[in-house]
N, C-alpha and C. Protein backbone atom coordinates (compact mmCIF):
# COMPACT_ATOMS: atom_id res chain seq x y z
N MET A 1 -5.22 -8.87 64.46
CA MET A 1 -3.91 -9.54 64.45
C MET A 1 -4.07 -10.90 63.80
N ILE A 2 -3.16 -11.25 62.89
CA ILE A 2 -3.20 -12.55 62.23
C ILE A 2 -2.60 -13.59 63.15
N ARG A 3 -3.33 -14.68 63.33
CA ARG A 3 -2.83 -15.73 64.23
C ARG A 3 -1.64 -16.44 63.59
N LYS A 4 -0.71 -16.81 64.42
CA LYS A 4 0.45 -17.55 63.93
C LYS A 4 0.03 -18.94 63.48
N ARG A 5 0.50 -19.32 62.32
CA ARG A 5 0.13 -20.63 61.80
C ARG A 5 0.83 -21.73 62.59
N GLU A 6 0.16 -22.86 62.66
CA GLU A 6 0.73 -24.00 63.36
C GLU A 6 1.88 -24.57 62.54
N PRO A 7 3.00 -24.99 63.17
CA PRO A 7 4.15 -25.47 62.42
C PRO A 7 3.90 -26.77 61.69
N ARG A 8 2.81 -27.48 62.03
CA ARG A 8 2.60 -28.78 61.41
C ARG A 8 2.20 -28.70 59.95
N TRP A 9 1.74 -27.55 59.49
CA TRP A 9 1.19 -27.51 58.12
C TRP A 9 2.13 -26.89 57.12
N GLN A 10 3.30 -26.42 57.53
CA GLN A 10 4.26 -25.88 56.57
C GLN A 10 5.65 -25.85 57.20
N SER A 11 6.66 -25.83 56.34
CA SER A 11 8.04 -25.81 56.81
C SER A 11 8.41 -24.42 57.29
N ALA A 12 9.56 -24.31 57.95
CA ALA A 12 10.02 -23.01 58.43
C ALA A 12 10.26 -22.07 57.26
N ALA A 13 10.83 -22.61 56.18
CA ALA A 13 11.08 -21.75 55.00
C ALA A 13 9.78 -21.24 54.43
N GLU A 14 8.76 -22.11 54.38
CA GLU A 14 7.47 -21.69 53.84
C GLU A 14 6.83 -20.63 54.73
N ARG A 15 6.93 -20.81 56.07
CA ARG A 15 6.38 -19.81 56.97
C ARG A 15 7.07 -18.47 56.77
N ALA A 16 8.37 -18.48 56.58
CA ALA A 16 9.10 -17.23 56.39
C ALA A 16 8.67 -16.55 55.10
N ARG A 17 8.49 -17.34 54.04
CA ARG A 17 8.07 -16.75 52.77
C ARG A 17 6.68 -16.13 52.89
N VAL A 18 5.74 -16.86 53.51
CA VAL A 18 4.39 -16.34 53.68
C VAL A 18 4.39 -15.09 54.53
N ALA A 19 5.19 -15.08 55.60
CA ALA A 19 5.26 -13.90 56.47
C ALA A 19 5.73 -12.69 55.70
N ALA A 20 6.74 -12.87 54.83
CA ALA A 20 7.24 -11.74 54.04
C ALA A 20 6.17 -11.23 53.10
N GLU A 21 5.42 -12.16 52.50
CA GLU A 21 4.36 -11.74 51.58
C GLU A 21 3.27 -10.99 52.32
N LEU A 22 2.91 -11.46 53.52
CA LEU A 22 1.86 -10.81 54.29
C LEU A 22 2.27 -9.41 54.71
N ILE A 23 3.54 -9.25 55.04
CA ILE A 23 4.01 -7.91 55.41
C ILE A 23 3.89 -6.98 54.22
N GLU A 24 4.28 -7.48 53.05
CA GLU A 24 4.16 -6.65 51.84
C GLU A 24 2.71 -6.29 51.57
N GLU A 25 1.79 -7.28 51.73
CA GLU A 25 0.37 -7.00 51.52
C GLU A 25 -0.14 -5.99 52.52
N ALA A 26 0.25 -6.16 53.78
CA ALA A 26 -0.25 -5.25 54.83
C ALA A 26 0.16 -3.83 54.55
N GLU A 27 1.40 -3.65 54.03
CA GLU A 27 1.86 -2.29 53.76
C GLU A 27 1.09 -1.64 52.63
N SER A 28 0.60 -2.44 51.67
CA SER A 28 -0.06 -1.85 50.50
C SER A 28 -1.56 -1.81 50.60
N LEU A 29 -2.16 -2.52 51.58
CA LEU A 29 -3.61 -2.65 51.59
C LEU A 29 -4.27 -2.17 52.86
N THR A 30 -3.62 -1.39 53.66
CA THR A 30 -4.21 -1.00 54.94
C THR A 30 -4.75 0.40 54.96
N GLU A 31 -4.71 1.13 53.83
CA GLU A 31 -5.14 2.52 53.91
C GLU A 31 -6.61 2.67 54.22
N THR A 32 -7.45 1.65 53.90
CA THR A 32 -8.88 1.80 54.14
C THR A 32 -9.29 1.38 55.54
N SER A 33 -8.37 0.85 56.33
CA SER A 33 -8.76 0.39 57.66
C SER A 33 -7.90 1.02 58.74
N THR A 34 -7.32 2.17 58.44
CA THR A 34 -6.47 2.84 59.41
C THR A 34 -7.30 3.70 60.34
N ILE A 35 -7.10 3.54 61.64
CA ILE A 35 -7.80 4.37 62.61
C ILE A 35 -7.18 5.75 62.60
N ALA A 36 -8.02 6.77 62.65
CA ALA A 36 -7.52 8.14 62.59
C ALA A 36 -6.61 8.43 63.77
N SER A 37 -5.49 9.10 63.48
CA SER A 37 -4.59 9.53 64.53
C SER A 37 -5.15 10.79 65.18
N PRO A 38 -4.60 11.20 66.35
CA PRO A 38 -5.04 12.45 66.96
C PRO A 38 -4.93 13.64 66.00
N ALA A 39 -3.87 13.62 65.17
CA ALA A 39 -3.73 14.73 64.22
C ALA A 39 -4.85 14.71 63.20
N ASP A 40 -5.25 13.49 62.75
CA ASP A 40 -6.37 13.40 61.81
C ASP A 40 -7.65 13.93 62.42
N VAL A 41 -7.90 13.54 63.69
CA VAL A 41 -9.12 13.98 64.36
C VAL A 41 -9.13 15.49 64.52
N ALA A 42 -7.99 16.06 64.88
CA ALA A 42 -7.92 17.52 65.04
C ALA A 42 -8.15 18.21 63.71
N ARG A 43 -7.55 17.65 62.64
CA ARG A 43 -7.71 18.26 61.34
C ARG A 43 -9.15 18.16 60.85
N ALA A 44 -9.83 17.05 61.23
CA ALA A 44 -11.21 16.85 60.77
C ALA A 44 -12.14 17.91 61.33
N GLY A 45 -11.79 18.53 62.45
CA GLY A 45 -12.64 19.56 63.03
C GLY A 45 -12.48 20.91 62.38
N LEU A 46 -11.51 21.05 61.49
CA LEU A 46 -11.30 22.33 60.83
C LEU A 46 -12.18 22.45 59.60
N PRO A 47 -12.52 23.67 59.20
CA PRO A 47 -13.30 23.82 57.97
C PRO A 47 -12.48 23.41 56.76
N PRO A 48 -13.13 23.00 55.69
CA PRO A 48 -12.38 22.58 54.51
C PRO A 48 -11.61 23.76 53.92
N PRO A 49 -10.48 23.47 53.26
CA PRO A 49 -9.70 24.56 52.68
C PRO A 49 -10.46 25.24 51.56
N ILE A 50 -10.23 26.53 51.40
CA ILE A 50 -10.88 27.31 50.34
C ILE A 50 -9.89 27.46 49.21
N THR A 51 -10.27 27.00 48.05
CA THR A 51 -9.41 27.08 46.89
C THR A 51 -9.85 28.25 46.02
N VAL A 52 -8.95 29.13 45.76
CA VAL A 52 -9.24 30.28 44.91
C VAL A 52 -8.58 30.06 43.57
N GLU A 53 -9.36 30.08 42.52
CA GLU A 53 -8.84 29.91 41.17
C GLU A 53 -8.86 31.26 40.47
N LEU A 54 -7.68 31.74 40.10
CA LEU A 54 -7.60 33.02 39.40
C LEU A 54 -7.78 32.79 37.91
N PRO A 55 -8.64 33.55 37.26
CA PRO A 55 -8.82 33.36 35.81
C PRO A 55 -7.57 33.75 35.05
N ALA A 56 -7.32 33.05 33.95
CA ALA A 56 -6.17 33.38 33.11
C ALA A 56 -6.40 34.73 32.45
N PRO A 57 -5.36 35.52 32.25
CA PRO A 57 -5.55 36.82 31.61
C PRO A 57 -6.03 36.65 30.19
N PRO A 58 -6.96 37.51 29.74
CA PRO A 58 -7.47 37.38 28.37
C PRO A 58 -6.39 37.71 27.36
N PRO A 59 -6.41 37.07 26.21
CA PRO A 59 -5.41 37.40 25.17
C PRO A 59 -5.60 38.82 24.68
N ALA A 60 -4.51 39.41 24.28
CA ALA A 60 -4.56 40.80 23.78
C ALA A 60 -5.35 40.84 22.47
N ALA A 61 -6.26 41.79 22.39
CA ALA A 61 -7.08 41.93 21.19
C ALA A 61 -6.29 42.64 20.10
N ALA A 62 -6.55 42.29 18.85
CA ALA A 62 -5.91 42.96 17.72
C ALA A 62 -6.38 44.41 17.64
N PRO A 63 -5.56 45.29 17.10
CA PRO A 63 -5.98 46.70 16.98
C PRO A 63 -7.29 46.84 16.22
N GLY A 64 -8.19 47.60 16.81
CA GLY A 64 -9.48 47.84 16.17
C GLY A 64 -10.52 46.77 16.41
N VAL A 65 -10.14 45.70 17.12
CA VAL A 65 -11.09 44.60 17.40
C VAL A 65 -11.49 44.68 18.86
N PRO A 66 -12.78 44.69 19.18
CA PRO A 66 -13.20 44.78 20.58
C PRO A 66 -12.79 43.52 21.34
N PRO A 67 -12.43 43.65 22.61
CA PRO A 67 -12.02 42.46 23.39
C PRO A 67 -13.18 41.49 23.55
N ALA A 68 -12.82 40.21 23.61
CA ALA A 68 -13.84 39.17 23.77
C ALA A 68 -14.42 39.22 25.18
N ALA A 69 -15.68 38.78 25.30
CA ALA A 69 -16.32 38.74 26.60
C ALA A 69 -15.63 37.71 27.47
N PRO A 70 -15.48 37.98 28.78
CA PRO A 70 -14.83 37.00 29.66
C PRO A 70 -15.64 35.72 29.74
N PRO A 71 -14.98 34.56 29.88
CA PRO A 71 -15.72 33.29 29.96
C PRO A 71 -16.56 33.23 31.23
N VAL A 72 -17.66 32.49 31.13
CA VAL A 72 -18.54 32.31 32.28
C VAL A 72 -17.96 31.22 33.17
N THR A 73 -17.72 31.53 34.44
CA THR A 73 -17.16 30.57 35.39
C THR A 73 -18.29 29.81 36.07
N PRO A 74 -18.28 28.46 35.98
CA PRO A 74 -19.35 27.70 36.65
C PRO A 74 -19.25 27.86 38.15
N PRO A 75 -20.38 27.73 38.85
CA PRO A 75 -20.35 27.88 40.32
C PRO A 75 -19.57 26.76 40.97
N THR A 76 -18.96 27.04 42.11
CA THR A 76 -18.29 25.99 42.89
C THR A 76 -19.36 25.15 43.59
N LEU A 77 -18.92 24.04 44.16
CA LEU A 77 -19.85 23.19 44.90
C LEU A 77 -20.50 23.95 46.04
N ASP A 78 -19.70 24.72 46.75
CA ASP A 78 -20.25 25.50 47.86
C ASP A 78 -21.30 26.48 47.38
N GLU A 79 -21.02 27.15 46.26
CA GLU A 79 -21.98 28.12 45.72
C GLU A 79 -23.24 27.42 45.25
N ALA A 80 -23.08 26.27 44.59
CA ALA A 80 -24.25 25.53 44.11
C ALA A 80 -25.11 25.06 45.27
N LEU A 81 -24.47 24.61 46.35
CA LEU A 81 -25.24 24.15 47.50
C LEU A 81 -25.84 25.31 48.28
N ALA A 82 -25.20 26.46 48.23
CA ALA A 82 -25.80 27.63 48.87
C ALA A 82 -27.10 28.00 48.17
N ALA A 83 -27.13 27.80 46.85
CA ALA A 83 -28.35 28.09 46.09
C ALA A 83 -29.39 26.99 46.25
N ASP A 84 -28.94 25.74 46.44
CA ASP A 84 -29.87 24.61 46.58
C ASP A 84 -29.30 23.65 47.63
N PRO A 85 -29.47 23.96 48.91
CA PRO A 85 -28.82 23.18 49.97
C PRO A 85 -29.34 21.75 50.12
N ASP A 86 -30.44 21.41 49.47
CA ASP A 86 -31.01 20.07 49.60
C ASP A 86 -30.78 19.21 48.36
N ASP A 87 -29.80 19.57 47.54
CA ASP A 87 -29.48 18.78 46.36
C ASP A 87 -28.61 17.60 46.81
N VAL A 88 -29.20 16.41 46.82
CA VAL A 88 -28.51 15.23 47.36
C VAL A 88 -27.26 14.89 46.55
N ALA A 89 -27.35 14.99 45.23
CA ALA A 89 -26.19 14.66 44.41
C ALA A 89 -25.01 15.58 44.72
N LEU A 90 -25.29 16.86 44.90
CA LEU A 90 -24.22 17.80 45.22
C LEU A 90 -23.67 17.55 46.62
N LEU A 91 -24.56 17.23 47.56
CA LEU A 91 -24.11 16.92 48.92
C LEU A 91 -23.17 15.72 48.93
N LEU A 92 -23.52 14.69 48.15
CA LEU A 92 -22.68 13.49 48.12
C LEU A 92 -21.34 13.77 47.44
N GLU A 93 -21.36 14.58 46.40
CA GLU A 93 -20.10 14.91 45.73
C GLU A 93 -19.18 15.69 46.66
N ARG A 94 -19.75 16.67 47.36
CA ARG A 94 -18.91 17.45 48.26
C ARG A 94 -18.43 16.59 49.43
N ALA A 95 -19.30 15.72 49.95
CA ALA A 95 -18.90 14.85 51.06
C ALA A 95 -17.74 13.95 50.65
N ALA A 96 -17.81 13.40 49.43
CA ALA A 96 -16.74 12.53 48.97
C ALA A 96 -15.42 13.28 48.86
N ARG A 97 -15.48 14.51 48.36
CA ARG A 97 -14.25 15.31 48.24
C ARG A 97 -13.70 15.68 49.61
N LEU A 98 -14.59 16.01 50.54
CA LEU A 98 -14.14 16.34 51.89
C LEU A 98 -13.49 15.13 52.55
N ALA A 99 -14.11 13.97 52.38
CA ALA A 99 -13.55 12.75 52.98
C ALA A 99 -12.19 12.43 52.38
N ALA A 100 -12.06 12.62 51.06
CA ALA A 100 -10.77 12.36 50.41
C ALA A 100 -9.67 13.27 50.96
N GLY A 101 -10.07 14.46 51.40
CA GLY A 101 -9.11 15.39 52.00
C GLY A 101 -8.99 15.26 53.50
N ALA A 102 -9.55 14.20 54.06
CA ALA A 102 -9.50 13.91 55.51
C ALA A 102 -10.27 14.93 56.33
N HIS A 103 -11.23 15.63 55.74
CA HIS A 103 -12.10 16.54 56.50
C HIS A 103 -13.35 15.75 56.90
N TYR A 104 -13.15 14.82 57.85
CA TYR A 104 -14.19 13.84 58.16
C TYR A 104 -15.42 14.45 58.82
N ALA A 105 -15.24 15.43 59.69
CA ALA A 105 -16.39 16.02 60.37
C ALA A 105 -17.30 16.72 59.36
N ALA A 106 -16.70 17.48 58.44
CA ALA A 106 -17.49 18.17 57.42
C ALA A 106 -18.15 17.18 56.48
N ALA A 107 -17.42 16.12 56.10
CA ALA A 107 -18.00 15.09 55.23
C ALA A 107 -19.17 14.40 55.93
N ARG A 108 -19.02 14.13 57.21
CA ARG A 108 -20.10 13.48 57.96
C ARG A 108 -21.35 14.35 57.95
N ARG A 109 -21.18 15.65 58.11
CA ARG A 109 -22.35 16.55 58.11
C ARG A 109 -23.09 16.48 56.78
N ASP A 110 -22.34 16.45 55.67
CA ASP A 110 -22.99 16.39 54.37
C ASP A 110 -23.70 15.05 54.17
N TYR A 111 -23.05 13.96 54.56
CA TYR A 111 -23.71 12.64 54.42
C TYR A 111 -24.97 12.57 55.28
N GLU A 112 -24.90 13.07 56.50
CA GLU A 112 -26.08 13.03 57.37
C GLU A 112 -27.19 13.92 56.83
N HIS A 113 -26.83 15.06 56.25
CA HIS A 113 -27.84 15.93 55.63
C HIS A 113 -28.52 15.19 54.48
N ALA A 114 -27.72 14.52 53.64
CA ALA A 114 -28.29 13.77 52.52
C ALA A 114 -29.22 12.67 53.02
N LEU A 115 -28.86 12.02 54.12
CA LEU A 115 -29.69 10.93 54.64
C LEU A 115 -30.97 11.43 55.30
N ARG A 116 -30.95 12.65 55.79
CA ARG A 116 -32.21 13.23 56.29
C ARG A 116 -33.18 13.44 55.14
N LEU A 117 -32.65 13.70 53.97
CA LEU A 117 -33.49 13.91 52.79
C LEU A 117 -33.89 12.57 52.15
N GLU A 118 -32.95 11.62 52.11
CA GLU A 118 -33.21 10.31 51.52
C GLU A 118 -32.63 9.24 52.45
N PRO A 119 -33.40 8.79 53.43
CA PRO A 119 -32.87 7.87 54.46
C PRO A 119 -32.38 6.53 53.93
N ALA A 120 -32.85 6.11 52.76
CA ALA A 120 -32.46 4.79 52.24
C ALA A 120 -31.50 4.92 51.07
N HIS A 121 -30.68 5.95 51.06
CA HIS A 121 -29.75 6.17 49.96
C HIS A 121 -28.48 5.34 50.20
N GLY A 122 -28.28 4.31 49.37
CA GLY A 122 -27.17 3.38 49.59
C GLY A 122 -25.80 4.04 49.55
N GLU A 123 -25.59 4.95 48.62
CA GLU A 123 -24.28 5.61 48.53
C GLU A 123 -24.01 6.48 49.75
N ALA A 124 -25.04 7.20 50.20
CA ALA A 124 -24.86 8.06 51.38
C ALA A 124 -24.60 7.22 52.63
N LEU A 125 -25.33 6.12 52.79
CA LEU A 125 -25.12 5.25 53.94
C LEU A 125 -23.71 4.66 53.94
N THR A 126 -23.28 4.22 52.76
CA THR A 126 -21.92 3.67 52.66
C THR A 126 -20.88 4.74 52.96
N GLY A 127 -21.07 5.92 52.38
CA GLY A 127 -20.11 7.00 52.62
C GLY A 127 -20.02 7.37 54.08
N LEU A 128 -21.16 7.45 54.75
CA LEU A 128 -21.15 7.77 56.17
C LEU A 128 -20.45 6.68 56.96
N GLY A 129 -20.72 5.42 56.62
CA GLY A 129 -20.06 4.32 57.30
C GLY A 129 -18.55 4.35 57.12
N VAL A 130 -18.10 4.71 55.93
CA VAL A 130 -16.66 4.79 55.67
C VAL A 130 -16.04 5.93 56.48
N VAL A 131 -16.69 7.08 56.52
CA VAL A 131 -16.17 8.22 57.30
C VAL A 131 -16.06 7.85 58.77
N LEU A 132 -17.07 7.20 59.31
CA LEU A 132 -17.03 6.78 60.71
C LEU A 132 -15.90 5.77 60.94
N SER A 133 -15.69 4.89 59.97
CA SER A 133 -14.60 3.92 60.08
C SER A 133 -13.25 4.62 60.08
N ARG A 134 -13.11 5.63 59.22
CA ARG A 134 -11.85 6.37 59.16
C ARG A 134 -11.50 6.99 60.52
N LYS A 135 -12.53 7.36 61.28
CA LYS A 135 -12.31 7.96 62.59
C LYS A 135 -12.21 6.90 63.69
N GLY A 136 -12.26 5.63 63.31
CA GLY A 136 -12.18 4.56 64.29
C GLY A 136 -13.46 4.32 65.05
N LEU A 137 -14.58 4.86 64.56
CA LEU A 137 -15.87 4.70 65.24
C LEU A 137 -16.58 3.47 64.66
N TRP A 138 -15.99 2.31 64.90
CA TRP A 138 -16.48 1.08 64.28
C TRP A 138 -17.90 0.74 64.71
N ILE A 139 -18.22 0.94 65.99
CA ILE A 139 -19.56 0.60 66.48
C ILE A 139 -20.61 1.46 65.79
N GLU A 140 -20.32 2.72 65.56
CA GLU A 140 -21.26 3.60 64.87
C GLU A 140 -21.31 3.29 63.37
N ALA A 141 -20.20 2.83 62.82
CA ALA A 141 -20.15 2.56 61.38
C ALA A 141 -20.99 1.35 61.00
N VAL A 142 -21.01 0.33 61.85
CA VAL A 142 -21.68 -0.93 61.48
C VAL A 142 -23.15 -0.74 61.10
N PRO A 143 -23.98 -0.03 61.89
CA PRO A 143 -25.39 0.10 61.50
C PRO A 143 -25.57 0.80 60.16
N GLN A 144 -24.73 1.79 59.86
CA GLN A 144 -24.84 2.49 58.58
C GLN A 144 -24.49 1.55 57.43
N LEU A 145 -23.43 0.80 57.59
CA LEU A 145 -23.00 -0.10 56.52
C LEU A 145 -23.94 -1.29 56.38
N ARG A 146 -24.47 -1.76 57.52
CA ARG A 146 -25.44 -2.85 57.44
C ARG A 146 -26.70 -2.40 56.71
N ARG A 147 -27.14 -1.19 57.03
CA ARG A 147 -28.32 -0.63 56.35
C ARG A 147 -28.04 -0.44 54.86
N ALA A 148 -26.83 0.02 54.53
CA ALA A 148 -26.46 0.20 53.12
C ALA A 148 -26.53 -1.12 52.37
N SER A 149 -26.05 -2.19 52.99
CA SER A 149 -26.08 -3.50 52.33
C SER A 149 -27.49 -4.04 52.20
N GLU A 150 -28.39 -3.58 53.06
CA GLU A 150 -29.79 -4.01 52.98
C GLU A 150 -30.54 -3.28 51.87
N VAL A 151 -30.36 -1.96 51.80
CA VAL A 151 -31.12 -1.18 50.82
C VAL A 151 -30.48 -1.25 49.43
N ASP A 152 -29.18 -1.57 49.36
CA ASP A 152 -28.49 -1.64 48.08
C ASP A 152 -27.59 -2.87 48.10
N PRO A 153 -28.18 -4.08 48.06
CA PRO A 153 -27.40 -5.31 48.26
C PRO A 153 -26.38 -5.57 47.17
N GLY A 154 -26.48 -4.89 46.05
CA GLY A 154 -25.50 -5.09 44.98
C GLY A 154 -24.30 -4.17 45.08
N ARG A 155 -24.22 -3.38 46.13
CA ARG A 155 -23.10 -2.45 46.30
C ARG A 155 -21.96 -3.16 47.03
N ALA A 156 -20.95 -3.57 46.29
CA ALA A 156 -19.85 -4.34 46.87
C ALA A 156 -19.12 -3.55 47.95
N ALA A 157 -18.99 -2.23 47.76
CA ALA A 157 -18.26 -1.42 48.74
C ALA A 157 -18.92 -1.47 50.11
N ALA A 158 -20.25 -1.51 50.14
CA ALA A 158 -20.95 -1.56 51.42
C ALA A 158 -20.60 -2.85 52.16
N TRP A 159 -20.56 -3.96 51.44
CA TRP A 159 -20.23 -5.25 52.07
C TRP A 159 -18.77 -5.28 52.52
N TYR A 160 -17.88 -4.75 51.68
CA TYR A 160 -16.46 -4.76 52.04
C TYR A 160 -16.21 -3.96 53.32
N TYR A 161 -16.73 -2.72 53.37
CA TYR A 161 -16.49 -1.89 54.54
C TYR A 161 -17.22 -2.43 55.77
N LEU A 162 -18.37 -3.10 55.55
CA LEU A 162 -19.04 -3.76 56.68
C LEU A 162 -18.14 -4.86 57.23
N GLY A 163 -17.51 -5.64 56.34
CA GLY A 163 -16.57 -6.65 56.79
C GLY A 163 -15.41 -6.06 57.57
N GLU A 164 -14.89 -4.92 57.10
CA GLU A 164 -13.79 -4.26 57.81
C GLU A 164 -14.21 -3.87 59.23
N ALA A 165 -15.38 -3.23 59.34
CA ALA A 165 -15.83 -2.77 60.66
C ALA A 165 -16.08 -3.95 61.59
N LEU A 166 -16.74 -4.99 61.10
CA LEU A 166 -17.03 -6.16 61.93
C LEU A 166 -15.75 -6.87 62.36
N ASN A 167 -14.77 -6.92 61.47
CA ASN A 167 -13.49 -7.54 61.82
C ASN A 167 -12.82 -6.77 62.95
N HIS A 168 -12.86 -5.44 62.91
CA HIS A 168 -12.26 -4.65 63.97
C HIS A 168 -12.99 -4.83 65.31
N LEU A 169 -14.27 -5.19 65.23
CA LEU A 169 -15.04 -5.42 66.45
C LEU A 169 -14.99 -6.89 66.89
N ASP A 170 -14.21 -7.69 66.18
CA ASP A 170 -14.05 -9.12 66.49
C ASP A 170 -15.32 -9.93 66.28
N HIS A 171 -16.23 -9.46 65.43
CA HIS A 171 -17.40 -10.24 65.04
C HIS A 171 -17.01 -11.04 63.78
N LEU A 172 -16.23 -12.08 64.00
CA LEU A 172 -15.56 -12.73 62.88
C LEU A 172 -16.50 -13.46 61.94
N ALA A 173 -17.50 -14.13 62.48
CA ALA A 173 -18.42 -14.87 61.61
C ALA A 173 -19.18 -13.92 60.69
N GLU A 174 -19.65 -12.80 61.23
CA GLU A 174 -20.36 -11.82 60.41
C GLU A 174 -19.40 -11.15 59.42
N ALA A 175 -18.20 -10.87 59.86
CA ALA A 175 -17.21 -10.26 58.97
C ALA A 175 -16.91 -11.18 57.80
N LEU A 176 -16.79 -12.48 58.09
CA LEU A 176 -16.54 -13.46 57.03
C LEU A 176 -17.65 -13.42 55.99
N GLY A 177 -18.91 -13.39 56.45
CA GLY A 177 -20.03 -13.36 55.52
C GLY A 177 -20.04 -12.10 54.68
N ALA A 178 -19.71 -10.96 55.29
CA ALA A 178 -19.70 -9.69 54.55
C ALA A 178 -18.61 -9.68 53.49
N TYR A 179 -17.42 -10.13 53.86
CA TYR A 179 -16.33 -10.19 52.88
C TYR A 179 -16.67 -11.16 51.74
N GLU A 180 -17.26 -12.29 52.08
CA GLU A 180 -17.62 -13.27 51.05
C GLU A 180 -18.62 -12.68 50.07
N ARG A 181 -19.57 -11.91 50.58
CA ARG A 181 -20.55 -11.28 49.70
C ARG A 181 -19.88 -10.25 48.80
N ALA A 182 -18.94 -9.49 49.34
CA ALA A 182 -18.21 -8.51 48.53
C ALA A 182 -17.45 -9.22 47.40
N VAL A 183 -16.85 -10.37 47.71
CA VAL A 183 -16.10 -11.11 46.69
C VAL A 183 -17.04 -11.73 45.67
N GLU A 184 -18.23 -12.15 46.09
CA GLU A 184 -19.21 -12.66 45.13
C GLU A 184 -19.57 -11.58 44.11
N LEU A 185 -19.72 -10.35 44.58
CA LEU A 185 -20.10 -9.25 43.70
C LEU A 185 -18.92 -8.79 42.84
N GLU A 186 -17.72 -8.82 43.42
CA GLU A 186 -16.51 -8.39 42.70
C GLU A 186 -15.42 -9.43 42.95
N PRO A 187 -15.38 -10.48 42.13
CA PRO A 187 -14.43 -11.58 42.39
C PRO A 187 -12.96 -11.16 42.39
N ARG A 188 -12.63 -10.02 41.79
CA ARG A 188 -11.25 -9.57 41.77
C ARG A 188 -11.04 -8.35 42.67
N ASN A 189 -11.86 -8.23 43.68
CA ASN A 189 -11.71 -7.14 44.66
C ASN A 189 -10.53 -7.49 45.57
N VAL A 190 -9.39 -6.85 45.31
CA VAL A 190 -8.14 -7.20 46.00
C VAL A 190 -8.28 -7.09 47.52
N LYS A 191 -8.85 -5.99 47.97
CA LYS A 191 -8.92 -5.73 49.41
C LYS A 191 -9.92 -6.65 50.09
N ALA A 192 -11.02 -6.96 49.42
CA ALA A 192 -11.98 -7.89 50.01
C ALA A 192 -11.39 -9.29 50.13
N LEU A 193 -10.65 -9.71 49.10
CA LEU A 193 -9.99 -11.02 49.17
C LEU A 193 -8.97 -11.06 50.31
N TYR A 194 -8.21 -9.98 50.44
CA TYR A 194 -7.22 -9.92 51.51
C TYR A 194 -7.89 -9.92 52.89
N GLY A 195 -8.98 -9.14 53.01
CA GLY A 195 -9.71 -9.12 54.28
C GLY A 195 -10.28 -10.49 54.61
N LEU A 196 -10.74 -11.19 53.59
CA LEU A 196 -11.25 -12.54 53.80
C LEU A 196 -10.14 -13.45 54.32
N GLY A 197 -8.93 -13.28 53.77
CA GLY A 197 -7.80 -14.07 54.27
C GLY A 197 -7.49 -13.78 55.72
N ILE A 198 -7.56 -12.51 56.10
CA ILE A 198 -7.27 -12.14 57.49
C ILE A 198 -8.27 -12.80 58.44
N VAL A 199 -9.57 -12.73 58.09
CA VAL A 199 -10.58 -13.32 58.97
C VAL A 199 -10.41 -14.84 59.05
N LEU A 200 -10.15 -15.47 57.92
CA LEU A 200 -9.93 -16.92 57.94
C LEU A 200 -8.71 -17.27 58.80
N ASP A 201 -7.68 -16.45 58.72
CA ASP A 201 -6.51 -16.67 59.58
C ASP A 201 -6.90 -16.55 61.05
N ARG A 202 -7.71 -15.54 61.37
CA ARG A 202 -8.12 -15.34 62.76
C ARG A 202 -9.03 -16.47 63.24
N LEU A 203 -9.73 -17.10 62.31
CA LEU A 203 -10.59 -18.23 62.66
C LEU A 203 -9.82 -19.55 62.67
N ASN A 204 -8.48 -19.46 62.56
CA ASN A 204 -7.61 -20.64 62.59
C ASN A 204 -7.92 -21.58 61.44
N ARG A 205 -8.10 -20.99 60.25
CA ARG A 205 -8.31 -21.76 59.02
C ARG A 205 -7.20 -21.37 58.05
N PRO A 206 -5.94 -21.73 58.36
CA PRO A 206 -4.79 -21.21 57.61
C PRO A 206 -4.74 -21.62 56.15
N ASP A 207 -5.16 -22.83 55.82
CA ASP A 207 -5.11 -23.26 54.42
C ASP A 207 -6.03 -22.39 53.55
N GLU A 208 -7.25 -22.15 54.05
CA GLU A 208 -8.18 -21.30 53.31
C GLU A 208 -7.67 -19.86 53.25
N ALA A 209 -7.07 -19.41 54.35
CA ALA A 209 -6.53 -18.05 54.38
C ALA A 209 -5.44 -17.88 53.32
N THR A 210 -4.57 -18.87 53.22
CA THR A 210 -3.49 -18.80 52.23
C THR A 210 -4.04 -18.71 50.82
N ARG A 211 -5.11 -19.44 50.54
CA ARG A 211 -5.72 -19.38 49.21
C ARG A 211 -6.27 -17.98 48.93
N MET A 212 -6.86 -17.35 49.95
CA MET A 212 -7.39 -16.00 49.75
C MET A 212 -6.26 -14.99 49.53
N TYR A 213 -5.17 -15.12 50.28
CA TYR A 213 -4.02 -14.23 50.07
C TYR A 213 -3.48 -14.40 48.65
N ARG A 214 -3.42 -15.65 48.19
CA ARG A 214 -2.92 -15.91 46.84
C ARG A 214 -3.85 -15.28 45.81
N ARG A 215 -5.15 -15.44 46.00
CA ARG A 215 -6.11 -14.83 45.07
C ARG A 215 -5.99 -13.31 45.08
N SER A 216 -5.74 -12.74 46.25
CA SER A 216 -5.58 -11.29 46.34
C SER A 216 -4.37 -10.83 45.54
N ARG A 217 -3.26 -11.55 45.67
CA ARG A 217 -2.05 -11.20 44.89
C ARG A 217 -2.30 -11.34 43.40
N GLU A 218 -2.99 -12.42 43.03
CA GLU A 218 -3.27 -12.63 41.61
C GLU A 218 -4.17 -11.53 41.06
N ALA A 219 -5.18 -11.12 41.84
CA ALA A 219 -6.08 -10.07 41.40
C ALA A 219 -5.36 -8.74 41.26
N ALA A 220 -4.32 -8.54 42.09
CA ALA A 220 -3.54 -7.30 42.01
C ALA A 220 -2.49 -7.37 40.90
N GLY A 221 -2.42 -8.51 40.22
CA GLY A 221 -1.46 -8.65 39.13
C GLY A 221 -0.06 -8.93 39.58
N ARG A 222 0.12 -9.54 40.76
CA ARG A 222 1.46 -9.83 41.28
C ARG A 222 1.86 -11.27 41.03
């Protein structure tokens, strides 16, 4: 929750304007920090949907000309992993697709499988931390994201999501540091700038928070 600013540092009109801007920002920038609803959790326990792609019918061959051979269909991710279940790149690709479809339990299994094979894989650690965050498991997400930032310190996403998780756990000083590192790596990271503003607001540093909100809007091209 953003702390209410003290009336001594701005007029009523200015407070109203800032409040309207913050509401607009909150509506557009909260998709990465939403706690899963009961429906999301229930859906995450289901197997991923199976997509069946029907091949297009072959063109009619001219009289006297033998029909062309059917095209070779590449294997699906599931088929490729069935043939090589320890392919980390394929595991990460499937996990990312599952997470994008809100199949968090299945995505978590793939990320954890990848980490059993490569425990210091920055992308896998970050992905697992994000999936845990999506389910509202902030306490479990923090060690994964902290480890990701240690083994891959140049990965801005790891720092940003670490800041998100720490902010939800009210570890404001650590969250501030994580967001600041994400912004150092990606100075125009809209969500990291906005998260930095939220933490500064919660730390009762409204002037600095306002500057971060302004930078976030500017980075978003507003």
